[in-house]
PDB file of all heavy atoms in Angstrom:
ATOM      1  N   ALA A   1      74.873  74.619 100.653  1.00  0.00           N
ATOM      2  CA  ALA A   1      75.302  75.839  99.990  1.00  0.00           C
ATOM      3  C   ALA A   1      76.808  75.968 100.080  1.00  0.00           C
ATOM      4  O   ALA A   1      77.438  75.438 100.996  1.00  0.00           O
ATOM      5  CB  ALA A   1      74.633  77.060 100.607  1.00  0.00           C
ATOM      6  N   GLN A   2      77.375  76.661  99.120  1.00  0.00           N
ATOM      7  CA  GLN A   2      78.787  76.996  99.158  1.00  0.00           C
ATOM      8  C   GLN A   2      79.002  78.236 100.016  1.00  0.00           C
ATOM      9  O   GLN A   2      78.101  79.051 100.187  1.00  0.00           O
ATOM     10  CB  GLN A   2      79.319  77.256  97.748  1.00  0.00           C
ATOM     11  CG  GLN A   2      79.365  76.046  96.842  1.00  0.00           C
ATOM     12  CD  GLN A   2      80.473  75.100  97.218  1.00  0.00           C
ATOM     13  OE1 GLN A   2      80.226  74.009  97.726  1.00  0.00           O
ATOM     14  NE2 GLN A   2      81.713  75.512  96.987  1.00  0.00           N
ATOM     15  N   ALA A   3      80.187  78.368 100.569  1.00  0.00           N
ATOM     16  CA  ALA A   3      80.522  79.595 101.284  1.00  0.00           C
ATOM     17  C   ALA A   3      80.287  80.795 100.372  1.00  0.00           C
ATOM     18  O   ALA A   3      80.685  80.788  99.211  1.00  0.00           O
ATOM     19  CB  ALA A   3      81.965  79.555 101.756  1.00  0.00           C
ATOM     20  N   GLY A   4      79.633  81.811 100.920  1.00  0.00           N
ATOM     21  CA  GLY A   4      79.269  82.973 100.133  1.00  0.00           C
ATOM     22  C   GLY A   4      77.913  82.872  99.468  1.00  0.00           C
ATOM     23  O   GLY A   4      77.425  83.874  98.922  1.00  0.00           O
ATOM     24  N   GLY A   5      77.300  81.708  99.517  1.00  0.00           N
ATOM     25  CA  GLY A   5      75.997  81.510  98.913  1.00  0.00           C
ATOM     26  C   GLY A   5      74.863  81.911  99.831  1.00  0.00           C
ATOM     27  O   GLY A   5      75.067  82.480 100.904  1.00  0.00           O
ATOM     28  N   SER A   6      73.648  81.584  99.407  1.00  0.00           N
ATOM     29  CA  SER A   6      72.448  81.999 100.124  1.00  0.00           C
ATOM     30  C   SER A   6      71.452  80.859 100.250  1.00  0.00           C
ATOM     31  O   SER A   6      71.388  79.965  99.403  1.00  0.00           O
ATOM     32  CB  SER A   6      71.765  83.168  99.407  1.00  0.00           C
ATOM     33  OG  SER A   6      72.591  84.307  99.355  1.00  0.00           O
ATOM     34  N   LEU A   7      70.674  80.912 101.302  1.00  0.00           N
ATOM     35  CA  LEU A   7      69.535  80.039 101.506  1.00  0.00           C
ATOM     36  C   LEU A   7      68.427  80.850 102.152  1.00  0.00           C
ATOM     37  O   LEU A   7      68.698  81.812 102.867  1.00  0.00           O
ATOM     38  CB  LEU A   7      69.878  78.845 102.403  1.00  0.00           C
ATOM     39  CG  LEU A   7      70.763  77.744 101.829  1.00  0.00           C
ATOM     40  CD1 LEU A   7      71.159  76.774 102.936  1.00  0.00           C
ATOM     41  CD2 LEU A   7      70.052  77.006 100.707  1.00  0.00           C
ATOM     42  N   ARG A   8      67.193  80.437 101.920  1.00  0.00           N
ATOM     43  CA  ARG A   8      66.040  81.085 102.526  1.00  0.00           C
ATOM     44  C   ARG A   8      65.210  80.041 103.255  1.00  0.00           C
ATOM     45  O   ARG A   8      64.712  79.098 102.638  1.00  0.00           O
ATOM     46  CB  ARG A   8      65.187  81.781 101.468  1.00  0.00           C
ATOM     47  CG  ARG A   8      63.997  82.570 102.028  1.00  0.00           C
ATOM     48  CD  ARG A   8      63.289  83.312 100.901  1.00  0.00           C
ATOM     49  NE  ARG A   8      62.086  84.009 101.332  1.00  0.00           N
ATOM     50  CZ  ARG A   8      62.066  85.233 101.838  1.00  0.00           C
ATOM     51  NH1 ARG A   8      63.197  85.909 101.992  1.00  0.00           N
ATOM     52  NH2 ARG A   8      60.907  85.796 102.183  1.00  0.00           N
ATOM     53  N   LEU A   9      65.075  80.204 104.547  1.00  0.00           N
ATOM     54  CA  LEU A   9      64.311  79.290 105.376  1.00  0.00           C
ATOM     55  C   LEU A   9      62.926  79.851 105.640  1.00  0.00           C
ATOM     56  O   LEU A   9      62.734  81.067 105.729  1.00  0.00           O
ATOM     57  CB  LEU A   9      65.014  79.040 106.711  1.00  0.00           C
ATOM     58  CG  LEU A   9      66.475  78.589 106.663  1.00  0.00           C
ATOM     59  CD1 LEU A   9      66.975  78.317 108.077  1.00  0.00           C
ATOM     60  CD2 LEU A   9      66.641  77.367 105.779  1.00  0.00           C
ATOM     61  N   SER A  10      61.961  78.960 105.780  1.00  0.00           N
ATOM     62  CA  SER A  10      60.599  79.339 106.111  1.00  0.00           C
ATOM     63  C   SER A  10      60.136  78.564 107.327  1.00  0.00           C
ATOM     64  O   SER A  10      60.563  77.428 107.549  1.00  0.00           O
ATOM     65  CB  SER A  10      59.642  79.056 104.943  1.00  0.00           C
ATOM     66  OG  SER A  10      60.001  79.790 103.797  1.00  0.00           O
ATOM     67  N   CYS A  11      59.260  79.170 108.092  1.00  0.00           N
ATOM     68  CA  CYS A  11      58.652  78.502 109.235  1.00  0.00           C
ATOM     69  C   CYS A  11      57.180  78.861 109.268  1.00  0.00           C
ATOM     70  O   CYS A  11      56.825  80.030 109.452  1.00  0.00           O
ATOM     71  CB  CYS A  11      59.325  78.913 110.540  1.00  0.00           C
ATOM     72  SG  CYS A  11      58.559  78.204 112.016  1.00  0.00           S
ATOM     73  N   ALA A  12      56.336  77.867 109.093  1.00  0.00           N
ATOM     74  CA  ALA A  12      54.897  78.062 109.115  1.00  0.00           C
ATOM     75  C   ALA A  12      54.333  77.537 110.422  1.00  0.00           C
ATOM     76  O   ALA A  12      54.617  76.401 110.822  1.00  0.00           O
ATOM     77  CB  ALA A  12      54.243  77.358 107.939  1.00  0.00           C
ATOM     78  N   ALA A  13      53.535  78.360 111.081  1.00  0.00           N
ATOM     79  CA  ALA A  13      52.909  77.991 112.342  1.00  0.00           C
ATOM     80  C   ALA A  13      51.431  77.719 112.122  1.00  0.00           C
ATOM     81  O   ALA A  13      50.763  78.419 111.366  1.00  0.00           O
ATOM     82  CB  ALA A  13      53.082  79.096 113.373  1.00  0.00           C
ATOM     83  N   SER A  14      50.936  76.708 112.784  1.00  0.00           N
ATOM     84  CA  SER A  14      49.522  76.383 112.694  1.00  0.00           C
ATOM     85  C   SER A  14      49.021  75.897 114.047  1.00  0.00           C
ATOM     86  O   SER A  14      49.805  75.521 114.917  1.00  0.00           O
ATOM     87  CB  SER A  14      49.270  75.323 111.620  1.00  0.00           C
ATOM     88  OG  SER A  14      49.956  74.121 111.926  1.00  0.00           O
ATOM     89  N   GLY A  15      47.719  75.910 114.190  1.00  0.00           N
ATOM     90  CA  GLY A  15      47.114  75.475 115.435  1.00  0.00           C
ATOM     91  C   GLY A  15      46.280  76.569 116.059  1.00  0.00           C
ATOM     92  O   GLY A  15      46.647  77.748 116.013  1.00  0.00           O
ATOM     93  N   ARG A  16      45.192  76.168 116.647  1.00  0.00           N
ATOM     94  CA  ARG A  16      44.249  77.126 117.222  1.00  0.00           C
ATOM     95  C   ARG A  16      44.853  77.930 118.366  1.00  0.00           C
ATOM     96  O   ARG A  16      44.468  79.085 118.593  1.00  0.00           O
ATOM     97  CB  ARG A  16      43.005  76.386 117.720  1.00  0.00           C
ATOM     98  CG  ARG A  16      41.932  77.290 118.291  1.00  0.00           C
ATOM     99  CD  ARG A  16      40.731  76.488 118.750  1.00  0.00           C
ATOM    100  NE  ARG A  16      40.116  75.760 117.654  1.00  0.00           N
ATOM    101  CZ  ARG A  16      39.064  74.963 117.778  1.00  0.00           C
ATOM    102  NH1 ARG A  16      38.515  74.788 118.976  1.00  0.00           N
ATOM    103  NH2 ARG A  16      38.575  74.338 116.722  1.00  0.00           N
ATOM    104  N   THR A  17      45.789  77.341 119.082  1.00  0.00           N
ATOM    105  CA  THR A  17      46.356  78.000 120.254  1.00  0.00           C
ATOM    106  C   THR A  17      47.553  78.885 119.949  1.00  0.00           C
ATOM    107  O   THR A  17      48.143  79.455 120.869  1.00  0.00           O
ATOM    108  CB  THR A  17      46.774  76.969 121.305  1.00  0.00           C
ATOM    109  OG1 THR A  17      47.775  76.106 120.764  1.00  0.00           O
ATOM    110  CG2 THR A  17      45.568  76.143 121.745  1.00  0.00           C
ATOM    111  N   PHE A  18      47.916  79.011 118.684  1.00  0.00           N
ATOM    112  CA  PHE A  18      49.062  79.833 118.353  1.00  0.00           C
ATOM    113  C   PHE A  18      48.739  81.305 118.575  1.00  0.00           C
ATOM    114  O   PHE A  18      47.920  81.883 117.868  1.00  0.00           O
ATOM    115  CB  PHE A  18      49.498  79.617 116.907  1.00  0.00           C
ATOM    116  CG  PHE A  18      50.710  80.415 116.533  1.00  0.00           C
ATOM    117  CD1 PHE A  18      51.957  80.089 117.041  1.00  0.00           C
ATOM    118  CD2 PHE A  18      50.604  81.509 115.688  1.00  0.00           C
ATOM    119  CE1 PHE A  18      53.082  80.834 116.708  1.00  0.00           C
ATOM    120  CE2 PHE A  18      51.719  82.259 115.346  1.00  0.00           C
ATOM    121  CZ  PHE A  18      52.959  81.922 115.860  1.00  0.00           C
ATOM    122  N   ASN A  19      49.364  81.905 119.555  1.00  0.00           N
ATOM    123  CA  ASN A  19      49.158  83.318 119.857  1.00  0.00           C
ATOM    124  C   ASN A  19      50.444  83.984 120.302  1.00  0.00           C
ATOM    125  O   ASN A  19      50.422  84.952 121.056  1.00  0.00           O
ATOM    126  CB  ASN A  19      48.073  83.486 120.914  1.00  0.00           C
ATOM    127  CG  ASN A  19      48.459  82.892 122.254  1.00  0.00           C
ATOM    128  OD1 ASN A  19      49.418  82.127 122.368  1.00  0.00           O
ATOM    129  ND2 ASN A  19      47.698  83.244 123.284  1.00  0.00           N
ATOM    130  N   SER A  20      51.561  83.489 119.848  1.00  0.00           N
ATOM    131  CA  SER A  20      52.848  84.056 120.226  1.00  0.00           C
ATOM    132  C   SER A  20      52.986  85.475 119.699  1.00  0.00           C
ATOM    133  O   SER A  20      52.541  85.781 118.596  1.00  0.00           O
ATOM    134  CB  SER A  20      53.983  83.198 119.678  1.00  0.00           C
ATOM    135  OG  SER A  20      53.932  81.885 120.193  1.00  0.00           O
ATOM    136  N   TYR A  21      53.613  86.330 120.487  1.00  0.00           N
ATOM    137  CA  TYR A  21      53.819  87.705 120.039  1.00  0.00           C
ATOM    138  C   TYR A  21      55.034  87.811 119.124  1.00  0.00           C
ATOM    139  O   TYR A  21      55.214  88.821 118.441  1.00  0.00           O
ATOM    140  CB  TYR A  21      53.961  88.646 121.239  1.00  0.00           C
ATOM    141  CG  TYR A  21      55.376  88.923 121.669  1.00  0.00           C
ATOM    142  CD1 TYR A  21      56.001  90.113 121.290  1.00  0.00           C
ATOM    143  CD2 TYR A  21      56.091  88.027 122.440  1.00  0.00           C
ATOM    144  CE1 TYR A  21      57.296  90.393 121.674  1.00  0.00           C
ATOM    145  CE2 TYR A  21      57.385  88.297 122.835  1.00  0.00           C
ATOM    146  CZ  TYR A  21      57.988  89.482 122.448  1.00  0.00           C
ATOM    147  OH  TYR A  21      59.272  89.750 122.839  1.00  0.00           O
ATOM    148  N   ALA A  22      55.857  86.767 119.100  1.00  0.00           N
ATOM    149  CA  ALA A  22      57.071  86.805 118.312  1.00  0.00           C
ATOM    150  C   ALA A  22      57.492  85.389 117.974  1.00  0.00           C
ATOM    151  O   ALA A  22      57.000  84.411 118.556  1.00  0.00           O
ATOM    152  CB  ALA A  22      58.190  87.526 119.057  1.00  0.00           C
ATOM    153  N   MET A  23      58.408  85.290 117.049  1.00  0.00           N
ATOM    154  CA  MET A  23      58.962  84.000 116.681  1.00  0.00           C
ATOM    155  C   MET A  23      60.465  84.144 116.494  1.00  0.00           C
ATOM    156  O   MET A  23      60.932  85.175 116.007  1.00  0.00           O
ATOM    157  CB  MET A  23      58.323  83.464 115.400  1.00  0.00           C
ATOM    158  CG  MET A  23      58.786  82.074 115.011  1.00  0.00           C
ATOM    159  SD  MET A  23      57.791  81.366 113.670  1.00  0.00           S
ATOM    160  CE  MET A  23      56.230  81.109 114.524  1.00  0.00           C
ATOM    161  N   GLY A  24      61.175  83.115 116.886  1.00  0.00           N
ATOM    162  CA  GLY A  24      62.617  83.152 116.793  1.00  0.00           C
ATOM    163  C   GLY A  24      63.183  81.998 115.999  1.00  0.00           C
ATOM    164  O   GLY A  24      62.536  80.966 115.796  1.00  0.00           O
ATOM    165  N   TRP A  25      64.402  82.207 115.532  1.00  0.00           N
ATOM    166  CA  TRP A  25      65.183  81.173 114.869  1.00  0.00           C
ATOM    167  C   TRP A  25      66.395  80.856 115.723  1.00  0.00           C
ATOM    168  O   TRP A  25      67.062  81.766 116.237  1.00  0.00           O
ATOM    169  CB  TRP A  25      65.648  81.620 113.486  1.00  0.00           C
ATOM    170  CG  TRP A  25      64.586  81.604 112.435  1.00  0.00           C
ATOM    171  CD1 TRP A  25      63.791  82.638 112.049  1.00  0.00           C
ATOM    172  CD2 TRP A  25      64.219  80.491 111.617  1.00  0.00           C
ATOM    173  NE1 TRP A  25      62.950  82.243 111.044  1.00  0.00           N
ATOM    174  CE2 TRP A  25      63.191  80.922 110.757  1.00  0.00           C
ATOM    175  CE3 TRP A  25      64.658  79.169 111.526  1.00  0.00           C
ATOM    176  CZ2 TRP A  25      62.591  80.083 109.816  1.00  0.00           C
ATOM    177  CZ3 TRP A  25      64.063  78.330 110.600  1.00  0.00           C
ATOM    178  CH2 TRP A  25      63.049  78.793 109.762  1.00  0.00           C
ATOM    179  N   PHE A  26      66.688  79.576 115.845  1.00  0.00           N
ATOM    180  CA  PHE A  26      67.846  79.094 116.571  1.00  0.00           C
ATOM    181  C   PHE A  26      68.579  78.084 115.703  1.00  0.00           C
ATOM    182  O   PHE A  26      68.020  77.544 114.752  1.00  0.00           O
ATOM    183  CB  PHE A  26      67.430  78.440 117.896  1.00  0.00           C
ATOM    184  CG  PHE A  26      66.708  79.375 118.831  1.00  0.00           C
ATOM    185  CD1 PHE A  26      65.360  79.645 118.660  1.00  0.00           C
ATOM    186  CD2 PHE A  26      67.379  79.989 119.876  1.00  0.00           C
ATOM    187  CE1 PHE A  26      64.689  80.507 119.509  1.00  0.00           C
ATOM    188  CE2 PHE A  26      66.724  80.855 120.732  1.00  0.00           C
ATOM    189  CZ  PHE A  26      65.384  81.115 120.549  1.00  0.00           C
ATOM    190  N   ARG A  27      69.817  77.834 116.037  1.00  0.00           N
ATOM    191  CA  ARG A  27      70.564  76.821 115.305  1.00  0.00           C
ATOM    192  C   ARG A  27      71.460  76.066 116.263  1.00  0.00           C
ATOM    193  O   ARG A  27      71.848  76.569 117.318  1.00  0.00           O
ATOM    194  CB  ARG A  27      71.395  77.439 114.179  1.00  0.00           C
ATOM    195  CG  ARG A  27      72.561  78.301 114.656  1.00  0.00           C
ATOM    196  CD  ARG A  27      73.213  79.004 113.496  1.00  0.00           C
ATOM    197  NE  ARG A  27      74.353  79.815 113.911  1.00  0.00           N
ATOM    198  CZ  ARG A  27      74.979  80.679 113.133  1.00  0.00           C
ATOM    199  NH1 ARG A  27      74.593  80.852 111.875  1.00  0.00           N
ATOM    200  NH2 ARG A  27      76.015  81.377 113.609  1.00  0.00           N
ATOM    201  N   GLN A  28      71.778  74.849 115.873  1.00  0.00           N
ATOM    202  CA  GLN A  28      72.677  74.030 116.656  1.00  0.00           C
ATOM    203  C   GLN A  28      73.781  73.514 115.738  1.00  0.00           C
ATOM    204  O   GLN A  28      73.566  72.574 114.969  1.00  0.00           O
ATOM    205  CB  GLN A  28      71.945  72.870 117.320  1.00  0.00           C
ATOM    206  CG  GLN A  28      72.817  72.087 118.276  1.00  0.00           C
ATOM    207  CD  GLN A  28      72.002  71.280 119.272  1.00  0.00           C
ATOM    208  OE1 GLN A  28      70.810  71.080 119.084  1.00  0.00           O
ATOM    209  NE2 GLN A  28      72.647  70.837 120.326  1.00  0.00           N
TER     210      GLN A  28
END
């Protein structure tokens, strides 16, 4: 993207044991 532009990220969770009360985004 150019400076000033936009992007939309998605995160899909799957698995029988998924029971998190929250989800976070991190970057490096």
